[in-house]
Every structure is written in C-alpha cells, then in structure tokens.
C-alpha cells in the first residue's frame, strides 16, 4: 500500500485520539469531523465498505451536534 494512503489512515487515527483529549465540546466535534473525513478518504482508497459506512453515519451526527453548539442560545423562560 502506498505510504500516502497509510498517512491518511494515520491522520484519521490522530484526530480520533485527539477527540479523547478535548475538554471543550466544540473542538471535540471539529476533531471528530476531521477524523470522519480522513477515514472516509482512507476507507475509499483501501476499499473498506464497513469503514466508509460507519463514517457516513458518524459524519452527519457530528455535523449536527456541531451546528447545535454553534447556535446562539435563547434565555431560559423557566426561571
């Protein structure tokens, strides 16, 4: 396997490990999205359908959660 293909896999692994070190949820989701993109590319290059399908499921989940974190919060009316 070409070294650059393996580098993409290692990049995905790096971002996955990075998510476990995050304290702020916003940056955790950013790292998770980067991991998904890298692993989708890697899975495509090596022809791994299970990896591609898993990342296709995780990508919208992480994107949705990141969008939720990015929305301005309205003041609570239950005070």
PDB file of N, CA and C in Angstrom:
ATOM      1  N   UNK A   1       0.853  -1.184   0.000  1.00  0.00           N
ATOM      2  CA  UNK A   1       0.000   0.000   0.000  1.00  0.00           C
ATOM      3  C   UNK A   1       0.890   1.236   0.000  1.00  0.00           C
ATOM      4  N   UNK A   2       0.462   2.242  -0.718  1.00  0.00           N
ATOM      5  CA  UNK A   2       1.244   3.470  -0.826  1.00  0.00           C
ATOM      6  C   UNK A   2       1.332   4.181   0.528  1.00  0.00           C
ATOM      7  N   UNK A   3       2.473   4.776   0.774  1.00  0.00           N
ATOM      8  CA  UNK A   3       2.712   5.453   2.053  1.00  0.00           C
ATOM      9  C   UNK A   3       1.735   6.614   2.264  1.00  0.00           C
ATOM     10  N   UNK A   4       1.356   7.311   1.195  1.00  0.00           N
ATOM     11  CA  UNK A   4       0.442   8.449   1.359  1.00  0.00           C
ATOM     12  C   UNK A   4      -0.955   7.981   1.747  1.00  0.00           C
ATOM     13  N   UNK A   5      -1.343   6.780   1.315  1.00  0.00           N
ATOM     14  CA  UNK A   5      -2.639   6.240   1.716  1.00  0.00           C
ATOM     15  C   UNK A   5      -2.607   5.912   3.210  1.00  0.00           C
ATOM     16  N   UNK A   6      -1.530   5.283   3.645  1.00  0.00           N
ATOM     17  CA  UNK A   6      -1.388   4.985   5.079  1.00  0.00           C
ATOM     18  C   UNK A   6      -1.344   6.270   5.901  1.00  0.00           C
ATOM     19  N   UNK A   7      -0.746   7.320   5.357  1.00  0.00           N
ATOM     20  CA  UNK A   7      -0.678   8.602   6.066  1.00  0.00           C
ATOM     21  C   UNK A   7      -2.080   9.154   6.320  1.00  0.00           C
ATOM     22  N   UNK A   8      -2.983   8.963   5.375  1.00  0.00           N
ATOM     23  CA  UNK A   8      -4.368   9.414   5.564  1.00  0.00           C
ATOM     24  C   UNK A   8      -5.022   8.622   6.693  1.00  0.00           C
ATOM     25  N   UNK A   9      -4.761   7.325   6.746  1.00  0.00           N
ATOM     26  CA  UNK A   9      -5.276   6.498   7.847  1.00  0.00           C
ATOM     27  C   UNK A   9      -4.724   6.929   9.194  1.00  0.00           C
ATOM     28  N   UNK A  10      -3.427   7.234   9.234  1.00  0.00           N
ATOM     29  CA  UNK A  10      -2.827   7.723  10.480  1.00  0.00           C
ATOM     30  C   UNK A  10      -3.388   9.079  10.870  1.00  0.00           C
ATOM     31  N   UNK A  11      -3.696   9.913   9.883  1.00  0.00           N
ATOM     32  CA  UNK A  11      -4.294  11.220  10.169  1.00  0.00           C
ATOM     33  C   UNK A  11      -5.664  11.042  10.816  1.00  0.00           C
ATOM     34  N   UNK A  12      -6.456  10.118  10.275  1.00  0.00           N
ATOM     35  CA  UNK A  12      -7.748   9.817  10.893  1.00  0.00           C
ATOM     36  C   UNK A  12      -7.589   9.308  12.314  1.00  0.00           C
ATOM     37  N   UNK A  13      -6.604   8.454  12.528  1.00  0.00           N
ATOM     38  CA  UNK A  13      -6.332   7.947  13.875  1.00  0.00           C
ATOM     39  C   UNK A  13      -5.907   9.072  14.811  1.00  0.00           C
ATOM     40  N   UNK A  14      -5.074   9.974  14.321  1.00  0.00           N
ATOM     41  CA  UNK A  14      -4.633  11.117  15.116  1.00  0.00           C
ATOM     42  C   UNK A  14      -5.828  11.949  15.575  1.00  0.00           C
ATOM     43  N   UNK A  15      -6.737  12.265  14.640  1.00  0.00           N
ATOM     44  CA  UNK A  15      -7.895  13.078  15.012  1.00  0.00           C
ATOM     45  C   UNK A  15      -8.826  12.331  15.966  1.00  0.00           C
ATOM     46  N   UNK A  16      -8.932  11.015  15.834  1.00  0.00           N
ATOM     47  CA  UNK A  16      -9.751  10.233  16.758  1.00  0.00           C
ATOM     48  C   UNK A  16      -9.174  10.300  18.164  1.00  0.00           C
ATOM     49  N   UNK A  17      -7.877  10.092  18.296  1.00  0.00           N
ATOM     50  CA  UNK A  17      -7.230  10.176  19.606  1.00  0.00           C
ATOM     51  C   UNK A  17      -7.345  11.596  20.161  1.00  0.00           C
ATOM     52  N   UNK A  18      -7.219  12.584  19.292  1.00  0.00           N
ATOM     53  CA  UNK A  18      -7.328  13.977  19.712  1.00  0.00           C
ATOM     54  C   UNK A  18      -8.694  14.269  20.334  1.00  0.00           C
ATOM     55  N   UNK A  19      -9.754  13.662  19.791  1.00  0.00           N
ATOM     56  CA  UNK A  19     -11.091  13.903  20.356  1.00  0.00           C
ATOM     57  C   UNK A  19     -11.168  13.486  21.821  1.00  0.00           C
ATOM     58  N   UNK A  20     -10.430  12.449  22.187  1.00  0.00           N
ATOM     59  CA  UNK A  20     -10.462  11.975  23.575  1.00  0.00           C
ATOM     60  C   UNK A  20      -9.736  12.904  24.538  1.00  0.00           C
ATOM     61  N   UNK A  21      -8.929  13.802  23.998  1.00  0.00           N
ATOM     62  CA  UNK A  21      -8.197  14.725  24.864  1.00  0.00           C
ATOM     63  C   UNK A  21      -8.884  16.084  24.987  1.00  0.00           C
ATOM     64  N   UNK A  22      -9.959  16.289  24.264  1.00  0.00           N
ATOM     65  CA  UNK A  22     -10.624  17.589  24.237  1.00  0.00           C
ATOM     66  C   UNK A  22     -11.478  17.812  25.477  1.00  0.00           C
ATOM     67  N   UNK A  23     -11.419  19.017  25.996  1.00  0.00           N
ATOM     68  CA  UNK A  23     -12.275  19.399  27.115  1.00  0.00           C
ATOM     69  C   UNK A  23     -13.482  20.196  26.624  1.00  0.00           C
ATOM     70  N   UNK A  24     -13.304  20.937  25.544  1.00  0.00           N
ATOM     71  CA  UNK A  24     -14.395  21.748  25.008  1.00  0.00           C
ATOM     72  C   UNK A  24     -15.112  20.970  23.902  1.00  0.00           C
ATOM     73  N   UNK A  25     -16.431  20.868  24.046  1.00  0.00           N
ATOM     74  CA  UNK A  25     -17.224  20.069  23.126  1.00  0.00           C
ATOM     75  C   UNK A  25     -17.140  20.575  21.687  1.00  0.00           C
ATOM     76  N   UNK A  26     -17.038  21.887  21.493  1.00  0.00           N
ATOM     77  CA  UNK A  26     -16.950  22.433  20.138  1.00  0.00           C
ATOM     78  C   UNK A  26     -15.738  21.866  19.405  1.00  0.00           C
ATOM     79  N   UNK A  27     -14.579  21.904  20.045  1.00  0.00           N
ATOM     80  CA  UNK A  27     -13.360  21.427  19.390  1.00  0.00           C
ATOM     81  C   UNK A  27     -13.341  19.903  19.268  1.00  0.00           C
ATOM     82  N   UNK A  28     -14.013  19.212  20.188  1.00  0.00           N
ATOM     83  CA  UNK A  28     -14.147  17.772  20.064  1.00  0.00           C
ATOM     84  C   UNK A  28     -14.899  17.435  18.779  1.00  0.00           C
ATOM     85  N   UNK A  29     -15.982  18.145  18.516  1.00  0.00           N
ATOM     86  CA  UNK A  29     -16.768  17.887  17.298  1.00  0.00           C
ATOM     87  C   UNK A  29     -15.989  18.246  16.038  1.00  0.00           C
ATOM     88  N   UNK A  30     -15.212  19.314  16.086  1.00  0.00           N
ATOM     89  CA  UNK A  30     -14.382  19.672  14.928  1.00  0.00           C
ATOM     90  C   UNK A  30     -13.383  18.550  14.650  1.00  0.00           C
ATOM     91  N   UNK A  31     -12.715  18.074  15.697  1.00  0.00           N
ATOM     92  CA  UNK A  31     -11.747  16.982  15.528  1.00  0.00           C
ATOM     93  C   UNK A  31     -12.441  15.711  15.038  1.00  0.00           C
ATOM     94  N   UNK A  32     -13.646  15.443  15.536  1.00  0.00           N
ATOM     95  CA  UNK A  32     -14.397  14.259  15.109  1.00  0.00           C
ATOM     96  C   UNK A  32     -14.767  14.359  13.633  1.00  0.00           C
ATOM     97  N   UNK A  33     -15.138  15.553  13.188  1.00  0.00           N
ATOM     98  CA  UNK A  33     -15.439  15.741  11.765  1.00  0.00           C
ATOM     99  C   UNK A  33     -14.193  15.522  10.907  1.00  0.00           C
ATOM    100  N   UNK A  34     -13.067  16.017  11.363  1.00  0.00           N
ATOM    101  CA  UNK A  34     -11.821  15.821  10.620  1.00  0.00           C
ATOM    102  C   UNK A  34     -11.467  14.334  10.566  1.00  0.00           C
ATOM    103  N   UNK A  35     -11.694  13.639  11.656  1.00  0.00           N
ATOM    104  CA  UNK A  35     -11.462  12.204  11.694  1.00  0.00           C
ATOM    105  C   UNK A  35     -12.359  11.483  10.696  1.00  0.00           C
ATOM    106  N   UNK A  36     -13.630  11.851  10.672  1.00  0.00           N
ATOM    107  CA  UNK A  36     -14.571  11.239   9.727  1.00  0.00           C
ATOM    108  C   UNK A  36     -14.118  11.446   8.288  1.00  0.00           C
ATOM    109  N   UNK A  37     -13.731  12.659   7.955  1.00  0.00           N
ATOM    110  CA  UNK A  37     -13.311  12.942   6.583  1.00  0.00           C
ATOM    111  C   UNK A  37     -12.066  12.157   6.201  1.00  0.00           C
ATOM    112  N   UNK A  38     -11.105  12.100   7.118  1.00  0.00           N
ATOM    113  CA  UNK A  38      -9.875  11.362   6.833  1.00  0.00           C
ATOM    114  C   UNK A  38     -10.165   9.868   6.683  1.00  0.00           C
ATOM    115  N   UNK A  39     -10.984   9.312   7.571  1.00  0.00           N
ATOM    116  CA  UNK A  39     -11.281   7.882   7.488  1.00  0.00           C
ATOM    117  C   UNK A  39     -12.175   7.543   6.300  1.00  0.00           C
ATOM    118  N   UNK A  40     -13.035   8.469   5.887  1.00  0.00           N
ATOM    119  CA  UNK A  40     -13.817   8.215   4.679  1.00  0.00           C
ATOM    120  C   UNK A  40     -12.905   8.152   3.459  1.00  0.00           C
ATOM    121  N   UNK A  41     -11.944   9.062   3.399  1.00  0.00           N
ATOM    122  CA  UNK A  41     -10.981   9.043   2.296  1.00  0.00           C
ATOM    123  C   UNK A  41     -10.161   7.761   2.343  1.00  0.00           C
ATOM    124  N   UNK A  42      -9.678   7.425   3.520  1.00  0.00           N
ATOM    125  CA  UNK A  42      -8.871   6.211   3.690  1.00  0.00           C
ATOM    126  C   UNK A  42      -9.681   4.971   3.318  1.00  0.00           C
ATOM    127  N   UNK A  43     -10.901   4.877   3.826  1.00  0.00           N
ATOM    128  CA  UNK A  43     -11.752   3.733   3.523  1.00  0.00           C
ATOM    129  C   UNK A  43     -12.034   3.601   2.040  1.00  0.00           C
ATOM    130  N   UNK A  44     -12.207   4.728   1.369  1.00  0.00           N
ATOM    131  CA  UNK A  44     -12.422   4.712  -0.079  1.00  0.00           C
ATOM    132  C   UNK A  44     -11.180   4.219  -0.802  1.00  0.00           C
ATOM    133  N   UNK A  45     -10.032   4.702  -0.382  1.00  0.00           N
ATOM    134  CA  UNK A  45      -8.776   4.322  -1.042  1.00  0.00           C
ATOM    135  C   UNK A  45      -8.416   2.858  -0.850  1.00  0.00           C
ATOM    136  N   UNK A  46      -8.779   2.295   0.309  1.00  0.00           N
ATOM    137  CA  UNK A  46      -8.456   0.877   0.542  1.00  0.00           C
ATOM    138  C   UNK A  46      -9.626  -0.042   0.222  1.00  0.00           C
ATOM    139  N   UNK A  47     -10.783   0.542  -0.122  1.00  0.00           N
ATOM    140  CA  UNK A  47     -11.949  -0.257  -0.480  1.00  0.00           C
ATOM    141  C   UNK A  47     -12.624  -0.940   0.691  1.00  0.00           C
ATOM    142  N   UNK A  48     -12.672  -0.263   1.836  1.00  0.00           N
ATOM    143  CA  UNK A  48     -13.285  -0.843   3.038  1.00  0.00           C
ATOM    144  C   UNK A  48     -14.707  -0.306   3.212  1.00  0.00           C
ATOM    145  N   UNK A  49     -15.681  -1.075   2.764  1.00  0.00           N
ATOM    146  CA  UNK A  49     -17.071  -0.650   2.861  1.00  0.00           C
ATOM    147  C   UNK A  49     -17.535  -0.459   4.309  1.00  0.00           C
ATOM    148  N   UNK A  50     -17.182  -1.349   5.260  1.00  0.00           N
ATOM    149  CA  UNK A  50     -17.609  -1.107   6.644  1.00  0.00           C
ATOM    150  C   UNK A  50     -17.092   0.223   7.206  1.00  0.00           C
ATOM    151  N   UNK A  51     -15.859   0.562   6.906  1.00  0.00           N
ATOM    152  CA  UNK A  51     -15.293   1.822   7.386  1.00  0.00           C
ATOM    153  C   UNK A  51     -16.006   3.014   6.752  1.00  0.00           C
ATOM    154  N   UNK A  52     -16.240   2.941   5.462  1.00  0.00           N
ATOM    155  CA  UNK A  52     -16.937   4.028   4.763  1.00  0.00           C
ATOM    156  C   UNK A  52     -18.338   4.215   5.332  1.00  0.00           C
ATOM    157  N   UNK A  53     -19.076   3.118   5.515  1.00  0.00           N
ATOM    158  CA  UNK A  53     -20.450   3.207   6.031  1.00  0.00           C
ATOM    159  C   UNK A  53     -20.495   3.762   7.446  1.00  0.00           C
ATOM    160  N   UNK A  54     -19.556   3.332   8.294  1.00  0.00           N
ATOM    161  CA  UNK A  54     -19.524   3.853   9.656  1.00  0.00           C
ATOM    162  C   UNK A  54     -19.281   5.363   9.651  1.00  0.00           C
ATOM    163  N   UNK A  55     -18.319   5.806   8.869  1.00  0.00           N
ATOM    164  CA  UNK A  55     -18.014   7.241   8.828  1.00  0.00           C
ATOM    165  C   UNK A  55     -19.143   8.035   8.188  1.00  0.00           C
ATOM    166  N   UNK A  56     -19.859   7.437   7.227  1.00  0.00           N
ATOM    167  CA  UNK A  56     -21.020   8.109   6.632  1.00  0.00           C
ATOM    168  C   UNK A  56     -22.137   8.291   7.658  1.00  0.00           C
ATOM    169  N   UNK A  57     -22.206   7.398   8.653  1.00  0.00           N
ATOM    170  CA  UNK A  57     -23.185   7.559   9.728  1.00  0.00           C
ATOM    171  C   UNK A  57     -22.714   8.570  10.767  1.00  0.00           C
ATOM    172  N   UNK A  58     -21.423   8.569  11.072  1.00  0.00           N
ATOM    173  CA  UNK A  58     -20.899   9.470  12.099  1.00  0.00           C
ATOM    174  C   UNK A  58     -20.792  10.923  11.626  1.00  0.00           C
ATOM    175  N   UNK A  59     -20.538  11.122  10.348  1.00  0.00           N
ATOM    176  CA  UNK A  59     -20.353  12.481   9.822  1.00  0.00           C
ATOM    177  C   UNK A  59     -21.571  13.371  10.072  1.00  0.00           C
ATOM    178  N   UNK A  60     -22.790  12.967   9.699  1.00  0.00           N
ATOM    179  CA  UNK A  60     -23.928  13.865   9.966  1.00  0.00           C
ATOM    180  C   UNK A  60     -24.225  14.037  11.455  1.00  0.00           C
ATOM    181  N   UNK A  61     -23.956  13.012  12.259  1.00  0.00           N
ATOM    182  CA  UNK A  61     -24.173  13.145  13.702  1.00  0.00           C
ATOM    183  C   UNK A  61     -23.258  14.224  14.268  1.00  0.00           C
ATOM    184  N   UNK A  62     -21.971  14.155  13.933  1.00  0.00           N
ATOM    185  CA  UNK A  62     -21.031  15.152  14.440  1.00  0.00           C
ATOM    186  C   UNK A  62     -21.310  16.535  13.859  1.00  0.00           C
ATOM    187  N   UNK A  63     -21.701  16.595  12.594  1.00  0.00           N
ATOM    188  CA  UNK A  63     -22.021  17.893  11.981  1.00  0.00           C
ATOM    189  C   UNK A  63     -23.239  18.513  12.654  1.00  0.00           C
ATOM    190  N   UNK A  64     -24.259  17.701  12.931  1.00  0.00           N
ATOM    191  CA  UNK A  64     -25.470  18.204  13.592  1.00  0.00           C
ATOM    192  C   UNK A  64     -25.146  18.716  14.991  1.00  0.00           C
ATOM    193  N   UNK A  65     -24.378  17.947  15.738  1.00  0.00           N
ATOM    194  CA  UNK A  65     -24.022  18.365  17.099  1.00  0.00           C
ATOM    195  C   UNK A  65     -23.172  19.633  17.090  1.00  0.00           C
ATOM    196  N   UNK A  66     -22.304  19.760  16.102  1.00  0.00           N
ATOM    197  CA  UNK A  66     -21.505  20.985  15.985  1.00  0.00           C
ATOM    198  C   UNK A  66     -22.402  22.175  15.669  1.00  0.00           C
ATOM    199  N   UNK A  67     -23.379  21.977  14.799  1.00  0.00           N
ATOM    200  CA  UNK A  67     -24.324  23.063  14.489  1.00  0.00           C
ATOM    201  C   UNK A  67     -25.119  23.457  15.734  1.00  0.00           C
ATOM    202  N   UNK A  68     -25.523  22.468  16.532  1.00  0.00           N
ATOM    203  CA  UNK A  68     -26.236  22.775  17.766  1.00  0.00           C
ATOM    204  C   UNK A  68     -25.385  23.633  18.702  1.00  0.00           C
ATOM    205  N   UNK A  69     -24.104  23.303  18.786  1.00  0.00           N
ATOM    206  CA  UNK A  69     -23.211  24.077  19.654  1.00  0.00           C
ATOM    207  C   UNK A  69     -22.976  25.485  19.127  1.00  0.00           C
ATOM    208  N   UNK A  70     -23.101  25.661  17.831  1.00  0.00           N
ATOM    209  CA  UNK A  70     -22.810  26.951  17.209  1.00  0.00           C
ATOM    210  C   UNK A  70     -23.998  27.907  17.240  1.00  0.00           C
ATOM    211  N   UNK A  71     -25.184  27.382  17.477  1.00  0.00           N
ATOM    212  CA  UNK A  71     -26.383  28.230  17.512  1.00  0.00           C
ATOM    213  C   UNK A  71     -26.384  29.092  18.760  1.00  0.00           C
ATOM    214  N   UNK A  72     -26.843  30.349  18.614  1.00  0.00           N
ATOM    215  CA  UNK A  72     -26.979  31.178  19.820  1.00  0.00           C
ATOM    216  C   UNK A  72     -28.097  30.615  20.704  1.00  0.00           C
ATOM    217  N   UNK A  73     -27.855  30.646  21.977  1.00  0.00           N
ATOM    218  CA  UNK A  73     -28.836  30.116  22.918  1.00  0.00           C
ATOM    219  C   UNK A  73     -29.763  31.220  23.387  1.00  0.00           C
ATOM    220  N   UNK A  74     -31.052  30.891  23.436  1.00  0.00           N
ATOM    221  CA  UNK A  74     -32.037  31.845  23.928  1.00  0.00           C
ATOM    222  C   UNK A  74     -32.096  31.747  25.442  1.00  0.00           C
ATOM    223  N   UNK A  75     -32.403  32.844  26.105  1.00  0.00           N
ATOM    224  CA  UNK A  75     -32.501  32.784  27.569  1.00  0.00           C
ATOM    225  C   UNK A  75     -33.636  31.832  27.971  1.00  0.00           C
ATOM    226  N   UNK A  76     -33.442  31.142  29.050  1.00  0.00           N
ATOM    227  CA  UNK A  76     -34.427  30.204  29.547  1.00  0.00           C
ATOM    228  C   UNK A  76     -35.609  30.945  30.114  1.00  0.00           C
ATOM    229  N   UNK A  77     -36.817  30.444  29.845  1.00  0.00           N
ATOM    230  CA  UNK A  77     -38.032  31.070  30.385  1.00  0.00           C
ATOM    231  C   UNK A  77     -38.552  30.327  31.601  1.00  0.00           C
ATOM    232  N   UNK A  78     -37.790  29.349  32.090  1.00  0.00           N
ATOM    233  CA  UNK A  78     -38.239  28.546  33.232  1.00  0.00           C
ATOM    234  C   UNK A  78     -37.602  29.005  34.543  1.00  0.00           C
ATOM    235  N   UNK A  79     -37.265  30.263  34.664  1.00  0.00           N
ATOM    236  CA  UNK A  79     -36.628  30.764  35.892  1.00  0.00           C
ATOM    237  C   UNK A  79     -37.598  30.908  36.999  1.00  0.00           C
TER     238      UNK A  79
END
